[in-house]
Protein backbone atom coordinates (compact mmCIF):
# COMPACT_ATOMS: atom_id res chain seq x y z
CA MET A 1 78.60 58.67 61.88
CA SER A 2 78.89 57.67 65.78
CA ALA A 3 77.45 60.20 68.29
CA LYS A 4 80.28 62.03 70.15
CA ARG A 5 80.54 60.91 74.02
CA ASP A 6 80.09 62.97 76.65
CA TYR A 7 82.41 65.23 77.65
CA TYR A 8 81.92 64.78 81.47
CA GLU A 9 82.44 61.14 80.92
CA ILE A 10 85.57 61.44 78.85
CA LEU A 11 87.01 62.79 81.80
CA GLY A 12 85.43 60.92 84.80
CA LEU A 13 83.70 63.36 85.94
CA ASP A 14 79.89 64.63 86.78
CA LYS A 15 78.29 68.25 85.75
CA LYS A 16 79.00 69.09 89.22
CA ALA A 17 82.54 69.33 88.57
CA THR A 18 84.45 72.73 89.22
CA ASP A 19 86.82 74.04 87.46
CA ALA A 20 89.50 72.98 89.84
CA SER A 21 88.34 69.30 89.01
CA ILE A 22 88.38 69.96 85.39
CA LYS A 23 91.87 71.16 85.16
CA LYS A 24 93.08 68.03 87.49
CA ALA A 25 91.05 65.48 85.75
CA TYR A 26 92.65 66.72 82.07
CA ARG A 27 95.91 66.80 83.32
CA LYS A 28 96.01 63.08 84.74
CA LEU A 29 94.55 61.90 81.48
CA ALA A 30 96.68 63.88 79.13
CA LYS A 31 99.70 62.64 81.10
CA LYS A 32 98.32 59.42 80.75
CA TYR A 33 97.21 59.11 76.74
CA HIS A 34 100.00 61.29 76.01
CA PRO A 35 101.45 60.52 72.00
CA ASP A 36 105.24 60.81 73.62
CA SER A 37 104.40 58.26 76.45
CA ASN A 38 102.43 56.05 74.13
CA PRO A 39 104.52 55.61 70.95
CA ASN A 40 102.88 54.55 68.10
CA ASP A 41 99.68 53.75 70.14
CA LYS A 42 96.62 54.39 68.15
CA GLU A 43 94.00 54.32 70.80
CA ALA A 44 96.33 56.24 73.54
CA GLU A 45 96.63 59.18 70.60
CA LYS A 46 92.76 58.89 70.11
CA ARG A 47 91.90 59.21 74.04
CA PHE A 48 94.42 62.00 74.36
CA LYS A 49 92.57 63.84 71.57
CA GLU A 50 89.45 63.27 73.05
CA VAL A 51 90.27 64.07 76.42
CA THR A 52 91.96 67.68 75.00
CA GLU A 53 89.06 68.08 73.41
CA ALA A 54 87.00 67.86 76.18
CA TYR A 55 88.89 69.69 78.37
CA ASN A 56 88.87 72.95 75.85
CA VAL A 57 85.32 73.14 75.97
CA LEU A 58 84.70 72.35 79.82
CA SER A 59 87.73 75.00 80.46
CA ASP A 60 86.35 77.75 79.29
CA LYS A 61 82.85 79.56 80.19
CA GLU A 62 81.15 80.22 77.20
CA LYS A 63 81.50 77.11 75.79
CA LYS A 64 81.15 75.08 78.90
CA LYS A 65 77.91 77.20 79.49
CA LEU A 66 76.46 76.09 75.76
CA TYR A 67 77.60 72.45 76.17
CA ASP A 68 75.21 72.39 79.58
CA GLN A 69 72.36 73.40 78.22
CA PHE A 70 72.58 72.01 74.79
CA GLY A 71 75.11 69.54 74.42
CA HIS A 72 77.31 68.85 71.28
CA ALA A 73 74.79 70.88 69.29
CA GLY A 74 75.50 73.98 70.82
CA LEU A 75 78.89 73.77 69.95
CA ASP A 76 77.91 73.42 66.27
CA PRO A 77 79.47 75.99 63.52
CA ASN A 78 76.50 75.79 61.55
CA GLY A 79 74.29 76.01 64.84
CA PRO A 80 72.25 79.06 65.69
CA PHE A 81 75.20 80.42 67.73
CA ALA A 82 77.38 80.39 64.91
CA ASN A 83 78.23 83.92 64.30
CA GLY A 84 75.99 85.08 61.39
CA GLY A 85 73.42 83.95 62.57
CA ALA A 86 70.31 81.45 60.96
CA TYR A 87 66.68 81.63 59.85
CA GLY A 88 64.58 79.78 62.86
CA THR A 89 61.61 79.92 64.38
CA SER A 90 60.60 79.40 67.85
CA GLY A 91 57.33 77.96 69.78
CA ASN A 92 56.13 76.22 72.41
CA TYR A 93 53.56 73.06 73.05
CA THR A 94 52.85 70.96 76.19
CA GLY A 95 53.11 67.09 76.45
CA ALA A 96 53.13 64.67 79.32
CA GLY A 97 56.43 66.03 80.66
CA GLY A 98 54.77 69.10 81.03
CA SER A 99 55.83 72.58 79.43
CA ARG A 100 58.39 72.52 76.74
CA ASN A 101 59.59 74.95 74.30
CA SER A 102 61.16 74.37 70.60
CA TYR A 103 63.42 76.36 68.25
CA ALA A 104 64.52 75.01 64.96
CA TYR A 105 67.03 76.71 62.67
CA ARG A 106 68.30 76.45 58.99
CA SER A 107 72.01 75.98 58.31
CA PRO A 108 74.04 77.89 55.77
CA ASP A 109 73.77 74.73 53.94
CA GLY A 110 69.66 74.56 53.59
CA THR A 111 69.36 71.58 56.60
CA TYR A 112 66.99 71.74 59.31
CA GLN A 113 67.42 71.02 62.89
CA GLU A 114 65.07 71.12 66.15
CA PHE A 115 66.05 71.76 69.39
CA HIS A 116 63.66 70.74 72.41
CA PHE A 117 64.22 72.52 75.84
CA GLU A 118 62.17 71.26 79.08
CA GLY A 119 60.45 74.31 80.91
CA GLY A 120 61.63 77.59 81.16
CA ASP A 121 61.15 80.49 78.62
CA MET A 122 62.96 80.75 75.51
CA ASN A 123 63.69 84.39 75.59
CA ASP A 124 64.92 83.98 78.94
CA ILE A 125 67.44 81.12 77.85
CA PHE A 126 68.59 82.86 74.86
CA GLY A 127 68.66 86.14 76.64
CA ASP A 128 70.34 84.91 79.25
CA MET A 129 73.25 82.76 77.04
CA PHE A 130 73.96 86.00 74.99
CA GLY A 131 74.07 88.06 77.52
CA ASP A 132 76.90 86.08 79.12
CA ILE A 133 78.64 85.99 75.66
CA PHE A 134 78.21 89.89 75.13
CA HIS A 135 79.65 90.71 78.54
CA HIS A 136 81.90 87.91 79.32
CA THR A 137 85.06 89.02 81.16
CA HIS A 138 89.20 89.32 79.83
CA SER A 139 91.78 90.27 81.89
CA GLY A 140 89.58 91.13 84.53
CA SER A 141 86.84 93.52 82.72
CA SER A 142 84.68 93.98 79.62
CA ALA A 143 82.45 96.05 77.78
CA GLY A 144 79.67 93.63 75.66
CA ALA A 145 76.80 95.29 73.53
CA ARG A 146 73.97 93.52 71.14
CA SER A 147 73.81 94.24 67.73
CA GLY A 148 71.98 93.28 64.71
CA PHE A 149 68.96 91.48 66.73
CA GLY A 150 65.42 91.37 65.35
CA ASN A 151 62.35 89.98 66.50
CA GLY A 152 63.65 87.11 68.38
CA PHE A 153 66.35 85.41 66.13
CA GLY A 154 64.57 86.06 63.04
CA ASN A 155 67.55 88.14 61.85
CA GLY A 156 70.42 86.31 63.14
CA PHE A 157 73.18 88.73 65.21
CA SER A 158 76.29 90.45 64.30
CA GLY A 159 79.12 90.93 66.72
CA GLN A 160 80.24 94.28 64.52
CA ASN A 161 79.46 96.50 68.17
CA TYR A 162 80.99 93.79 70.29
CA LYS A 163 83.59 95.72 72.66
CA GLN A 164 86.23 94.24 75.06
CA LYS A 165 88.76 95.57 77.04
CA GLY A 166 92.38 95.38 75.59
CA GLU A 167 95.03 92.23 77.68
CA ASP A 168 97.07 93.97 80.10
CA LEU A 169 100.72 94.09 80.13
CA HIS A 170 103.52 93.43 82.45
CA THR A 171 107.09 94.55 82.77
CA GLU A 172 109.82 95.42 85.64
CA ILE A 173 111.62 98.28 86.68
CA ASP A 174 114.95 98.16 89.08
CA VAL A 175 115.15 101.24 91.39
CA SER A 176 117.32 102.44 93.93
CA PHE A 177 116.80 102.05 98.02
CA HIS A 178 116.83 105.96 98.10
CA ASP A 179 114.24 106.14 95.59
CA ALA A 180 111.77 103.81 96.49
CA ALA A 181 112.00 105.00 99.86
CA PHE A 182 111.03 108.83 98.54
CA GLY A 183 109.42 107.91 95.89
CA CYS A 184 110.92 109.62 92.02
CA ASP A 185 109.79 109.41 88.31
CA LYS A 186 111.21 107.57 86.03
CA VAL A 187 110.97 107.21 82.26
CA ILE A 188 110.61 103.79 80.53
CA HIS A 189 110.75 102.74 77.11
CA LEU A 190 108.12 99.96 75.59
CA THR A 191 108.98 98.20 72.56
CA ASN A 192 106.11 96.91 70.45
CA PRO A 193 107.82 93.55 68.94
CA SER A 194 105.62 92.99 66.12
CA THR A 195 106.09 96.85 64.84
CA GLY A 196 109.54 97.64 66.61
CA GLN A 197 107.94 100.75 67.67
CA THR A 198 109.25 102.38 70.77
CA GLN A 199 106.93 104.12 73.12
CA SER A 200 108.02 106.63 76.30
CA LEU A 201 106.40 106.40 79.40
CA GLN A 202 107.04 108.86 82.53
CA VAL A 203 106.06 106.59 85.66
CA HIS A 204 105.55 107.83 89.11
CA ILE A 205 107.10 105.60 91.98
CA PRO A 206 105.56 105.78 95.17
CA ALA A 207 106.85 106.62 98.13
CA GLY A 208 106.86 103.74 100.61
CA ILE A 209 107.02 100.86 97.81
CA ASP A 210 107.84 97.56 98.78
CA ASP A 211 110.27 95.39 96.67
CA GLY A 212 107.96 93.19 94.24
CA LYS A 213 104.79 95.37 94.20
CA SER A 214 103.43 96.69 91.32
CA VAL A 215 102.47 99.88 89.59
CA ARG A 216 99.44 100.26 87.60
CA LEU A 217 99.30 102.66 84.50
CA LYS A 218 95.80 102.51 83.33
CA GLY A 219 94.88 102.33 79.92
CA LYS A 220 98.71 101.60 78.91
CA GLY A 221 98.34 98.18 78.05
CA HIS A 222 97.23 96.35 74.53
CA PRO A 223 94.33 98.77 72.76
CA GLY A 224 90.43 97.22 73.05
CA ILE A 225 88.55 95.63 70.41
CA GLY A 226 85.87 96.84 68.75
CA GLY A 227 86.32 100.57 70.45
CA GLY A 228 86.93 98.65 74.23
CA PRO A 229 89.00 100.28 76.25
CA ALA A 230 92.36 99.67 76.23
CA GLY A 231 94.06 97.54 79.04
CA ASP A 232 96.84 98.36 81.95
CA LEU A 233 100.50 98.05 82.16
CA PHE A 234 101.50 96.45 85.29
CA LEU A 235 104.95 97.47 86.31
CA LYS A 236 107.01 95.42 88.82
CA VAL A 237 109.35 97.27 90.87
CA HIS A 238 112.61 95.30 91.87
CA ILE A 239 114.35 97.61 94.81
CA GLN A 240 118.47 97.48 94.47
CA ASN A 241 120.46 96.75 97.78
CA SER A 242 121.70 99.31 99.89
CA THR A 243 124.86 99.45 101.33
CA ALA A 244 123.80 101.23 104.38
CA PHE A 245 121.11 99.86 105.33
CA THR A 246 118.20 96.69 104.91
CA ARG A 247 114.81 96.88 105.43
CA LYS A 248 111.99 94.61 106.88
CA GLY A 249 108.75 95.98 106.06
CA LEU A 250 108.50 99.96 107.31
CA ASP A 251 111.56 99.63 109.15
CA ILE A 252 115.32 99.92 108.36
CA TYR A 253 118.33 98.69 109.88
CA THR A 254 122.33 99.55 109.65
CA THR A 255 125.16 99.22 111.97
CA LYS A 256 127.38 101.60 113.80
CA ARG A 257 130.77 101.41 115.00
CA VAL A 258 131.72 102.86 117.92
CA PRO A 259 135.38 103.02 119.86
CA PHE A 260 135.70 100.44 122.98
CA THR A 261 135.81 103.86 125.37
CA THR A 262 132.46 105.26 124.03
CA ALA A 263 131.30 101.74 124.49
CA ALA A 264 132.48 101.78 128.25
CA LEU A 265 131.98 105.20 129.33
CA GLY A 266 129.41 106.59 126.97
CA GLY A 267 129.12 109.20 124.75
CA GLU A 268 127.56 110.19 120.93
CA ALA A 269 127.92 108.73 117.68
CA LEU A 270 126.86 109.89 114.51
CA VAL A 271 124.70 107.75 112.63
CA SER A 272 123.63 107.85 109.20
CA THR A 273 119.76 107.73 108.49
CA LEU A 274 117.59 108.45 105.29
CA ASP A 275 117.78 112.19 106.05
CA GLY A 276 121.12 112.49 106.74
CA GLN A 277 123.16 112.02 109.54
CA VAL A 278 122.13 112.45 113.64
CA LEU A 279 123.96 112.37 117.10
CA CYS A 280 123.06 109.34 118.45
CA LYS A 281 123.47 108.91 122.28
CA VAL A 282 125.22 105.90 123.28
CA ARG A 283 124.93 104.71 127.06
CA PRO A 284 127.71 103.31 128.96
CA GLY A 285 128.44 99.71 129.23
CA THR A 286 126.75 99.54 125.94
CA GLN A 287 127.45 95.94 124.81
CA SER A 288 128.28 95.13 121.11
CA GLY A 289 125.42 93.81 119.07
CA SER A 290 122.97 96.17 121.20
CA LYS A 291 120.43 97.91 119.34
CA ILE A 292 119.56 101.72 119.29
CA ARG A 293 115.50 102.78 118.08
CA LEU A 294 115.37 105.91 116.35
CA LYS A 295 111.54 106.16 116.30
CA GLY A 296 109.99 107.21 113.05
CA LYS A 297 113.39 107.40 110.71
CA GLY A 298 112.41 104.47 108.92
CA ILE A 299 110.03 104.04 105.72
CA VAL A 300 106.85 106.52 104.85
CA SER A 301 103.84 104.00 104.77
CA MET A 302 102.04 104.14 101.19
CA GLN A 303 98.77 103.71 102.88
CA ASN A 304 98.91 106.70 105.18
CA PRO A 305 101.87 109.09 104.80
CA SER A 306 102.16 110.39 108.36
CA VAL A 307 103.27 106.98 109.26
CA HIS A 308 107.02 105.83 109.43
CA GLY A 309 108.97 102.99 110.61
CA ASP A 310 111.95 102.90 113.00
CA LEU A 311 115.32 102.63 112.19
CA TYR A 312 117.55 100.30 114.21
CA VAL A 313 121.08 101.00 115.05
CA THR A 314 123.36 97.99 115.72
CA ILE A 315 126.45 98.99 117.44
CA GLN A 316 129.67 97.51 116.86
CA ILE A 317 132.45 98.12 119.46
CA ASP A 318 135.85 98.57 117.71
CA VAL A 319 139.14 97.16 119.25
CA PRO A 320 142.15 98.89 118.60
CA LYS A 321 145.03 97.11 117.02
CA ASN A 322 148.06 99.39 117.16
CA LEU A 323 148.50 100.63 120.67
CA SER A 324 151.29 103.11 121.55
CA PRO A 325 153.48 101.66 124.89
CA GLU A 326 151.82 104.25 126.71
CA ALA A 327 148.38 103.59 125.74
CA GLN A 328 149.65 99.85 126.56
CA LYS A 329 150.28 100.94 129.90
CA LYS A 330 147.18 102.74 130.63
CA LEU A 331 145.30 99.60 129.66
CA LYS A 332 146.81 97.33 131.76
CA GLU A 333 146.32 99.74 134.65
CA PHE A 334 142.51 99.66 133.13
CA GLU A 335 142.71 95.81 133.57
CA ALA A 336 144.46 95.69 136.93
CA CYS A 337 141.88 98.16 138.33
CA CYS A 338 138.91 95.84 136.72
CA ASN A 339 140.75 92.80 138.58
CA LYS A 340 141.45 94.43 141.80
CA ASN A 341 137.42 95.81 141.60
CA SER A 342 136.26 92.36 140.62
CA ARG A 343 138.13 90.70 143.93
CA TYR A 344 136.85 93.46 145.92
CA GLN A 345 133.44 92.31 144.99
CA SER A 346 133.61 88.76 145.44
CA SER A 347 134.65 89.25 148.93
CA LYS A 348 132.38 91.45 149.67
CA ALA A 349 129.63 88.88 148.31
CA SER A 350 131.10 86.17 150.46
């Protein structure tokens, strides 16, 4: 049987390749040799399998560590790293190249194989390697425990006490504009697709949460492995649109229509806010599209409850549609007065 090619060579990389470059190289070669792009091409099919096998190893943290230290032998299912362990001996000797270490093991079929490592201490090498295996991360965090270790590797090892955090769950929820602004409690129902069982959970939506943000429910994800902690549930919040307000960060915006006379002469307008209606002062000569700022009438900050955004009121002027004859007469008098005043100001300026 011919020796397997080096995984880095297959992907056209060196051993200093980053995770990103490994992924990039795989995507390029997988696309090039994919069977769909090369029908009935046995050589392309062979290359596709090679690059996929190489990527599966080099993209996996633990497999890559074993491969980088021990080559293909580190991935041998009958080797010293397979579950169930092996009977082995270790020792060291000194050659022309300096201090070396050796490790021999007997696989389940009774055959022997020996590995040699340049420099370092065997306990350090295997201790570091298996420390990573038993404490690798999954979905953000994990817990590990060693089990079944005798003196060295004489008794092999077992994963019976291995603990791992369960996977996180992700789901979504819709809330009203008002509930997002002030906070609320919601009851959600989660169904396990494998068992069909439904679980009800009460969730608190914090005041001031923005659209697209998530609420984390600790320990409400998938159960852990080997007694490890359960994963978390992340609830992505979608805020429904409001007919009265729009939101930008902590600030909110609304519009208010006022009569022509109020805009011209000044006065007050009743404006809706999140807390109810308030009287807002309109200055004489207010133009359509101008904004009035109501400080502190916006959204509360999730980080600091004492901080609020502002409410901006855009003024829109109502133009009367059906005027009585008397109103039309008065409006014409107003127009004539404005024209006369305009001519007076022009003559004065000249």
